[in-house]
Amino acid sequence: MTDGGAWGVDTWRGYKLVAGNTIGKQALEDIAESAWNEVKGKKTTDAGFVVAALFVPGRGVYLGTPAHGSGTA
């Protein structure tokens, strides 16, 4: 993501800055899909995965995969 994305032990998290208090459904889906594509390109296994996207008004969109493994998530 242009505003941030990083791997933990085996869990990805990201952030996309969005100004304003609203976001359209398509814009949120586009951000989530972009994050999904980023993770897909960096994963080292063939296991399926999901990327969650949470819009926080005035802050942006927080993104992440579910926690995996025994490391800190």
PDB file of N, CA and C in Angstrom:
ATOM      1  N   MET A   1       0.853  -1.176   0.000  1.00  0.00           N
ATOM      2  CA  MET A   1       0.000   0.000   0.000  1.00  0.00           C
ATOM      3  C   MET A   1       0.897   1.236   0.000  1.00  0.00           C
ATOM      4  N   THR A   2       0.435   2.264  -0.663  1.00  0.00           N
ATOM      5  CA  THR A   2       1.234   3.475  -0.749  1.00  0.00           C
ATOM      6  C   THR A   2       1.448   4.129   0.608  1.00  0.00           C
ATOM      7  N   ASP A   3       0.537   3.958   1.550  1.00  0.00           N
ATOM      8  CA  ASP A   3       0.667   4.597   2.852  1.00  0.00           C
ATOM      9  C   ASP A   3       1.199   3.661   3.926  1.00  0.00           C
ATOM     10  N   GLY A   4       1.386   2.435   3.607  1.00  0.00           N
ATOM     11  CA  GLY A   4       1.968   1.536   4.592  1.00  0.00           C
ATOM     12  C   GLY A   4       1.473   0.115   4.472  1.00  0.00           C
ATOM     13  N   GLY A   5       2.378  -0.796   4.617  1.00  0.00           N
ATOM     14  CA  GLY A   5       2.062  -2.207   4.617  1.00  0.00           C
ATOM     15  C   GLY A   5       3.297  -2.954   5.071  1.00  0.00           C
ATOM     16  N   ALA A   6       3.133  -3.911   5.943  1.00  0.00           N
ATOM     17  CA  ALA A   6       4.290  -4.616   6.469  1.00  0.00           C
ATOM     18  C   ALA A   6       3.892  -6.000   6.944  1.00  0.00           C
ATOM     19  N   TRP A   7       4.863  -6.889   6.963  1.00  0.00           N
ATOM     20  CA  TRP A   7       4.668  -8.234   7.485  1.00  0.00           C
ATOM     21  C   TRP A   7       5.114  -8.280   8.928  1.00  0.00           C
ATOM     22  N   GLY A   8       4.323  -8.974   9.731  1.00  0.00           N
ATOM     23  CA  GLY A   8       4.771  -9.353  11.061  1.00  0.00           C
ATOM     24  C   GLY A   8       5.447 -10.700  10.907  1.00  0.00           C
ATOM     25  N   VAL A   9       5.332 -11.564  11.870  1.00  0.00           N
ATOM     26  CA  VAL A   9       5.924 -12.892  11.771  1.00  0.00           C
ATOM     27  C   VAL A   9       5.357 -13.610  10.549  1.00  0.00           C
ATOM     28  N   ASP A  10       4.056 -13.697  10.440  1.00  0.00           N
ATOM     29  CA  ASP A  10       3.414 -14.327   9.288  1.00  0.00           C
ATOM     30  C   ASP A  10       2.054 -13.695   9.021  1.00  0.00           C
ATOM     31  N   THR A  11       1.889 -12.466   9.454  1.00  0.00           N
ATOM     32  CA  THR A  11       0.627 -11.746   9.320  1.00  0.00           C
ATOM     33  C   THR A  11       0.903 -10.382   8.694  1.00  0.00           C
ATOM     34  N   TRP A  12       0.124 -10.018   7.684  1.00  0.00           N
ATOM     35  CA  TRP A  12       0.314  -8.740   7.004  1.00  0.00           C
ATOM     36  C   TRP A  12      -0.646  -7.706   7.565  1.00  0.00           C
ATOM     37  N   ARG A  13      -0.180  -6.469   7.674  1.00  0.00           N
ATOM     38  CA  ARG A  13      -1.051  -5.370   8.064  1.00  0.00           C
ATOM     39  C   ARG A  13      -0.710  -4.174   7.186  1.00  0.00           C
ATOM     40  N   GLY A  14      -1.707  -3.339   6.955  1.00  0.00           N
ATOM     41  CA  GLY A  14      -1.486  -2.173   6.116  1.00  0.00           C
ATOM     42  C   GLY A  14      -2.408  -1.037   6.489  1.00  0.00           C
ATOM     43  N   TYR A  15      -2.179   0.097   5.855  1.00  0.00           N
ATOM     44  CA  TYR A  15      -2.935   1.308   6.130  1.00  0.00           C
ATOM     45  C   TYR A  15      -2.987   2.150   4.868  1.00  0.00           C
ATOM     46  N   LYS A  16      -4.134   2.716   4.592  1.00  0.00           N
ATOM     47  CA  LYS A  16      -4.304   3.616   3.459  1.00  0.00           C
ATOM     48  C   LYS A  16      -4.963   4.884   3.970  1.00  0.00           C
ATOM     49  N   LEU A  17      -4.269   5.991   3.883  1.00  0.00           N
ATOM     50  CA  LEU A  17      -4.790   7.271   4.329  1.00  0.00           C
ATOM     51  C   LEU A  17      -5.964   7.687   3.450  1.00  0.00           C
ATOM     52  N   VAL A  18      -7.077   8.023   4.073  1.00  0.00           N
ATOM     53  CA  VAL A  18      -8.259   8.511   3.359  1.00  0.00           C
ATOM     54  C   VAL A  18      -8.763   9.728   4.108  1.00  0.00           C
ATOM     55  N   ALA A  19      -8.718  10.878   3.473  1.00  0.00           N
ATOM     56  CA  ALA A  19      -9.218  12.096   4.100  1.00  0.00           C
ATOM     57  C   ALA A  19     -10.744  12.096   4.040  1.00  0.00           C
ATOM     58  N   GLY A  20     -11.363  12.670   5.023  1.00  0.00           N
ATOM     59  CA  GLY A  20     -12.811  12.786   5.012  1.00  0.00           C
ATOM     60  C   GLY A  20     -13.487  11.782   5.926  1.00  0.00           C
ATOM     61  N   ASN A  21     -14.795  11.953   6.019  1.00  0.00           N
ATOM     62  CA  ASN A  21     -15.583  11.138   6.939  1.00  0.00           C
ATOM     63  C   ASN A  21     -16.416  10.071   6.254  1.00  0.00           C
ATOM     64  N   THR A  22     -16.318   9.970   4.943  1.00  0.00           N
ATOM     65  CA  THR A  22     -17.067   8.950   4.212  1.00  0.00           C
ATOM     66  C   THR A  22     -16.174   8.337   3.140  1.00  0.00           C
ATOM     67  N   ILE A  23     -16.562   7.156   2.724  1.00  0.00           N
ATOM     68  CA  ILE A  23     -15.888   6.491   1.613  1.00  0.00           C
ATOM     69  C   ILE A  23     -16.943   5.666   0.886  1.00  0.00           C
ATOM     70  N   GLY A  24     -16.870   5.646  -0.414  1.00  0.00           N
ATOM     71  CA  GLY A  24     -17.814   4.858  -1.190  1.00  0.00           C
ATOM     72  C   GLY A  24     -17.479   3.375  -1.134  1.00  0.00           C
ATOM     73  N   LYS A  25     -18.504   2.557  -1.353  1.00  0.00           N
ATOM     74  CA  LYS A  25     -18.315   1.104  -1.321  1.00  0.00           C
ATOM     75  C   LYS A  25     -17.263   0.659  -2.330  1.00  0.00           C
ATOM     76  N   GLN A  26     -17.314   1.200  -3.536  1.00  0.00           N
ATOM     77  CA  GLN A  26     -16.361   0.796  -4.568  1.00  0.00           C
ATOM     78  C   GLN A  26     -14.940   1.209  -4.202  1.00  0.00           C
ATOM     79  N   ALA A  27     -14.775   2.390  -3.619  1.00  0.00           N
ATOM     80  CA  ALA A  27     -13.437   2.840  -3.214  1.00  0.00           C
ATOM     81  C   ALA A  27     -12.860   1.922  -2.141  1.00  0.00           C
ATOM     82  N   LEU A  28     -13.686   1.526  -1.182  1.00  0.00           N
ATOM     83  CA  LEU A  28     -13.233   0.606  -0.124  1.00  0.00           C
ATOM     84  C   LEU A  28     -12.866  -0.750  -0.721  1.00  0.00           C
ATOM     85  N   GLU A  29     -13.686  -1.244  -1.634  1.00  0.00           N
ATOM     86  CA  GLU A  29     -13.390  -2.520  -2.285  1.00  0.00           C
ATOM     87  C   GLU A  29     -12.092  -2.433  -3.088  1.00  0.00           C
ATOM     88  N   ASP A  30     -11.853  -1.302  -3.756  1.00  0.00           N
ATOM     89  CA  ASP A  30     -10.625  -1.131  -4.540  1.00  0.00           C
ATOM     90  C   ASP A  30      -9.385  -1.139  -3.638  1.00  0.00           C
ATOM     91  N   ILE A  31      -9.478  -0.489  -2.488  1.00  0.00           N
ATOM     92  CA  ILE A  31      -8.361  -0.469  -1.535  1.00  0.00           C
ATOM     93  C   ILE A  31      -8.103  -1.881  -1.023  1.00  0.00           C
ATOM     94  N   ALA A  32      -9.165  -2.592  -0.656  1.00  0.00           N
ATOM     95  CA  ALA A  32      -9.024  -3.958  -0.159  1.00  0.00           C
ATOM     96  C   ALA A  32      -8.433  -4.872  -1.233  1.00  0.00           C
ATOM     97  N   GLU A  33      -8.885  -4.728  -2.462  1.00  0.00           N
ATOM     98  CA  GLU A  33      -8.360  -5.558  -3.551  1.00  0.00           C
ATOM     99  C   GLU A  33      -6.889  -5.264  -3.807  1.00  0.00           C
ATOM    100  N   SER A  34      -6.511  -3.995  -3.746  1.00  0.00           N
ATOM    101  CA  SER A  34      -5.112  -3.626  -3.918  1.00  0.00           C
ATOM    102  C   SER A  34      -4.246  -4.276  -2.838  1.00  0.00           C
ATOM    103  N   ALA A  35      -4.724  -4.248  -1.595  1.00  0.00           N
ATOM    104  CA  ALA A  35      -3.995  -4.889  -0.493  1.00  0.00           C
ATOM    105  C   ALA A  35      -3.911  -6.398  -0.723  1.00  0.00           C
ATOM    106  N   TRP A  36      -5.015  -7.000  -1.157  1.00  0.00           N
ATOM    107  CA  TRP A  36      -5.035  -8.439  -1.423  1.00  0.00           C
ATOM    108  C   TRP A  36      -3.996  -8.803  -2.484  1.00  0.00           C
ATOM    109  N   ASN A  37      -3.930  -7.999  -3.547  1.00  0.00           N
ATOM    110  CA  ASN A  37      -2.956  -8.254  -4.614  1.00  0.00           C
ATOM    111  C   ASN A  37      -1.528  -8.112  -4.108  1.00  0.00           C
ATOM    112  N   GLU A  38      -1.293  -7.140  -3.215  1.00  0.00           N
ATOM    113  CA  GLU A  38       0.040  -6.969  -2.644  1.00  0.00           C
ATOM    114  C   GLU A  38       0.437  -8.203  -1.831  1.00  0.00           C
ATOM    115  N   VAL A  39      -0.478  -8.676  -1.003  1.00  0.00           N
ATOM    116  CA  VAL A  39      -0.198  -9.858  -0.186  1.00  0.00           C
ATOM    117  C   VAL A  39       0.006 -11.075  -1.078  1.00  0.00           C
ATOM    118  N   LYS A  40      -0.847 -11.240  -2.073  1.00  0.00           N
ATOM    119  CA  LYS A  40      -0.747 -12.388  -2.982  1.00  0.00           C
ATOM    120  C   LYS A  40       0.626 -12.451  -3.638  1.00  0.00           C
ATOM    121  N   GLY A  41       1.169 -11.306  -3.996  1.00  0.00           N
ATOM    122  CA  GLY A  41       2.469 -11.268  -4.647  1.00  0.00           C
ATOM    123  C   GLY A  41       3.638 -11.553  -3.715  1.00  0.00           C
ATOM    124  N   LYS A  42       3.423 -11.446  -2.410  1.00  0.00           N
ATOM    125  CA  LYS A  42       4.508 -11.623  -1.448  1.00  0.00           C
ATOM    126  C   LYS A  42       4.402 -12.900  -0.627  1.00  0.00           C
ATOM    127  N   LYS A  43       3.254 -13.582  -0.687  1.00  0.00           N
ATOM    128  CA  LYS A  43       3.089 -14.819   0.084  1.00  0.00           C
ATOM    129  C   LYS A  43       4.044 -15.882  -0.408  1.00  0.00           C
ATOM    130  N   THR A  44       4.496 -16.713   0.516  1.00  0.00           N
ATOM    131  CA  THR A  44       5.421 -17.778   0.142  1.00  0.00           C
ATOM    132  C   THR A  44       4.758 -19.153   0.142  1.00  0.00           C
ATOM    133  N   THR A  45       3.476 -19.221   0.480  1.00  0.00           N
ATOM    134  CA  THR A  45       2.754 -20.493   0.448  1.00  0.00           C
ATOM    135  C   THR A  45       1.561 -20.368  -0.479  1.00  0.00           C
ATOM    136  N   ASP A  46       0.968 -21.491  -0.819  1.00  0.00           N
ATOM    137  CA  ASP A  46      -0.203 -21.499  -1.682  1.00  0.00           C
ATOM    138  C   ASP A  46      -1.509 -21.470  -0.900  1.00  0.00           C
ATOM    139  N   ALA A  47      -1.422 -21.373   0.407  1.00  0.00           N
ATOM    140  CA  ALA A  47      -2.625 -21.369   1.241  1.00  0.00           C
ATOM    141  C   ALA A  47      -3.483 -20.152   0.928  1.00  0.00           C
ATOM    142  N   GLY A  48      -4.798 -20.326   1.006  1.00  0.00           N
ATOM    143  CA  GLY A  48      -5.709 -19.220   0.794  1.00  0.00           C
ATOM    144  C   GLY A  48      -5.589 -18.200   1.918  1.00  0.00           C
ATOM    145  N   PHE A  49      -6.114 -17.022   1.692  1.00  0.00           N
ATOM    146  CA  PHE A  49      -6.052 -15.973   2.697  1.00  0.00           C
ATOM    147  C   PHE A  49      -7.156 -14.950   2.450  1.00  0.00           C
ATOM    148  N   VAL A  50      -7.369 -14.128   3.442  1.00  0.00           N
ATOM    149  CA  VAL A  50      -8.347 -13.056   3.350  1.00  0.00           C
ATOM    150  C   VAL A  50      -7.693 -11.780   3.866  1.00  0.00           C
ATOM    151  N   VAL A  51      -8.100 -10.642   3.315  1.00  0.00           N
ATOM    152  CA  VAL A  51      -7.654  -9.344   3.807  1.00  0.00           C
ATOM    153  C   VAL A  51      -8.884  -8.596   4.290  1.00  0.00           C
ATOM    154  N   ALA A  52      -8.860  -8.176   5.541  1.00  0.00           N
ATOM    155  CA  ALA A  52      -9.962  -7.393   6.111  1.00  0.00           C
ATOM    156  C   ALA A  52      -9.649  -5.912   5.926  1.00  0.00           C
ATOM    157  N   ALA A  53     -10.694  -5.114   5.700  1.00  0.00           N
ATOM    158  CA  ALA A  53     -10.543  -3.669   5.540  1.00  0.00           C
ATOM    159  C   ALA A  53     -11.552  -2.969   6.448  1.00  0.00           C
ATOM    160  N   LEU A  54     -11.045  -2.050   7.267  1.00  0.00           N
ATOM    161  CA  LEU A  54     -11.886  -1.313   8.202  1.00  0.00           C
ATOM    162  C   LEU A  54     -11.685   0.183   7.978  1.00  0.00           C
ATOM    163  N   PHE A  55     -12.743   0.879   7.580  1.00  0.00           N
ATOM    164  CA  PHE A  55     -12.674   2.327   7.384  1.00  0.00           C
ATOM    165  C   PHE A  55     -12.970   3.035   8.698  1.00  0.00           C
ATOM    166  N   VAL A  56     -12.079   3.942   9.085  1.00  0.00           N
ATOM    167  CA  VAL A  56     -12.263   4.758  10.284  1.00  0.00           C
ATOM    168  C   VAL A  56     -12.374   6.210   9.814  1.00  0.00           C
ATOM    169  N   PRO A  57     -13.560   6.823   9.941  1.00  0.00           N
ATOM    170  CA  PRO A  57     -13.750   8.185   9.457  1.00  0.00           C
ATOM    171  C   PRO A  57     -12.684   9.142   9.987  1.00  0.00           C
ATOM    172  N   GLY A  58     -12.164   9.962   9.085  1.00  0.00           N
ATOM    173  CA  GLY A  58     -11.163  10.942   9.444  1.00  0.00           C
ATOM    174  C   GLY A  58      -9.763  10.382   9.603  1.00  0.00           C
ATOM    175  N   ARG A  59      -9.611   9.086   9.485  1.00  0.00           N
ATOM    176  CA  ARG A  59      -8.309   8.430   9.660  1.00  0.00           C
ATOM    177  C   ARG A  59      -7.851   7.720   8.390  1.00  0.00           C
ATOM    178  N   GLY A  60      -8.641   6.761   7.950  1.00  0.00           N
ATOM    179  CA  GLY A  60      -8.257   5.998   6.781  1.00  0.00           C
ATOM    180  C   GLY A  60      -8.775   4.581   6.852  1.00  0.00           C
ATOM    181  N   VAL A  61      -8.171   3.723   6.057  1.00  0.00           N
ATOM    182  CA  VAL A  61      -8.567   2.319   5.988  1.00  0.00           C
ATOM    183  C   VAL A  61      -7.441   1.473   6.573  1.00  0.00           C
ATOM    184  N   TYR A  62      -7.763   0.701   7.586  1.00  0.00           N
ATOM    185  CA  TYR A  62      -6.830  -0.225   8.195  1.00  0.00           C
ATOM    186  C   TYR A  62      -7.069  -1.592   7.576  1.00  0.00           C
ATOM    187  N   LEU A  63      -5.983  -2.275   7.222  1.00  0.00           N
ATOM    188  CA  LEU A  63      -6.066  -3.533   6.502  1.00  0.00           C
ATOM    189  C   LEU A  63      -5.241  -4.594   7.211  1.00  0.00           C
ATOM    190  N   GLY A  64      -5.625  -5.835   7.041  1.00  0.00           N
ATOM    191  CA  GLY A  64      -4.814  -6.891   7.624  1.00  0.00           C
ATOM    192  C   GLY A  64      -5.332  -8.273   7.301  1.00  0.00           C
ATOM    193  N   THR A  65      -4.421  -9.232   7.404  1.00  0.00           N
ATOM    194  CA  THR A  65      -4.795 -10.628   7.302  1.00  0.00           C
ATOM    195  C   THR A  65      -5.026 -11.142   8.712  1.00  0.00           C
ATOM    196  N   PRO A  66      -5.794 -12.213   8.877  1.00  0.00           N
ATOM    197  CA  PRO A  66      -5.948 -12.787  10.205  1.00  0.00           C
ATOM    198  C   PRO A  66      -4.597 -13.228  10.755  1.00  0.00           C
ATOM    199  N   ALA A  67      -4.474 -13.199  12.066  1.00  0.00           N
ATOM    200  CA  ALA A  67      -3.244 -13.642  12.706  1.00  0.00           C
ATOM    201  C   ALA A  67      -3.033 -15.132  12.472  1.00  0.00           C
ATOM    202  N   HIS A  68      -1.793 -15.512  12.231  1.00  0.00           N
ATOM    203  CA  HIS A  68      -1.423 -16.901  12.015  1.00  0.00           C
ATOM    204  C   HIS A  68      -0.231 -17.244  12.895  1.00  0.00           C
ATOM    205  N   GLY A  69      -0.008 -18.494  13.097  1.00  0.00           N
ATOM    206  CA  GLY A  69       1.185 -18.935  13.799  1.00  0.00           C
ATOM    207  C   GLY A  69       1.158 -18.586  15.278  1.00  0.00           C
ATOM    208  N   SER A  70       2.315 -18.685  15.909  1.00  0.00           N
ATOM    209  CA  SER A  70       2.395 -18.464  17.347  1.00  0.00           C
ATOM    210  C   SER A  70       3.069 -17.147  17.696  1.00  0.00           C
ATOM    211  N   GLY A  71       3.438 -16.345  16.693  1.00  0.00           N
ATOM    212  CA  GLY A  71       4.097 -15.070  16.956  1.00  0.00           C
ATOM    213  C   GLY A  71       3.108 -13.993  17.375  1.00  0.00           C
ATOM    214  N   THR A  72       3.630 -12.843  17.749  1.00  0.00           N
ATOM    215  CA  THR A  72       2.798 -11.712  18.120  1.00  0.00           C
ATOM    216  C   THR A  72       2.086 -11.208  16.868  1.00  0.00           C
ATOM    217  N   ALA A  73       0.787 -10.979  16.939  1.00  0.00           N
ATOM    218  CA  ALA A  73       0.026 -10.500  15.778  1.00  0.00           C
ATOM    219  C   ALA A  73      -0.501  -9.116  16.062  1.00  0.00           C
TER     220      ALA A  73
END
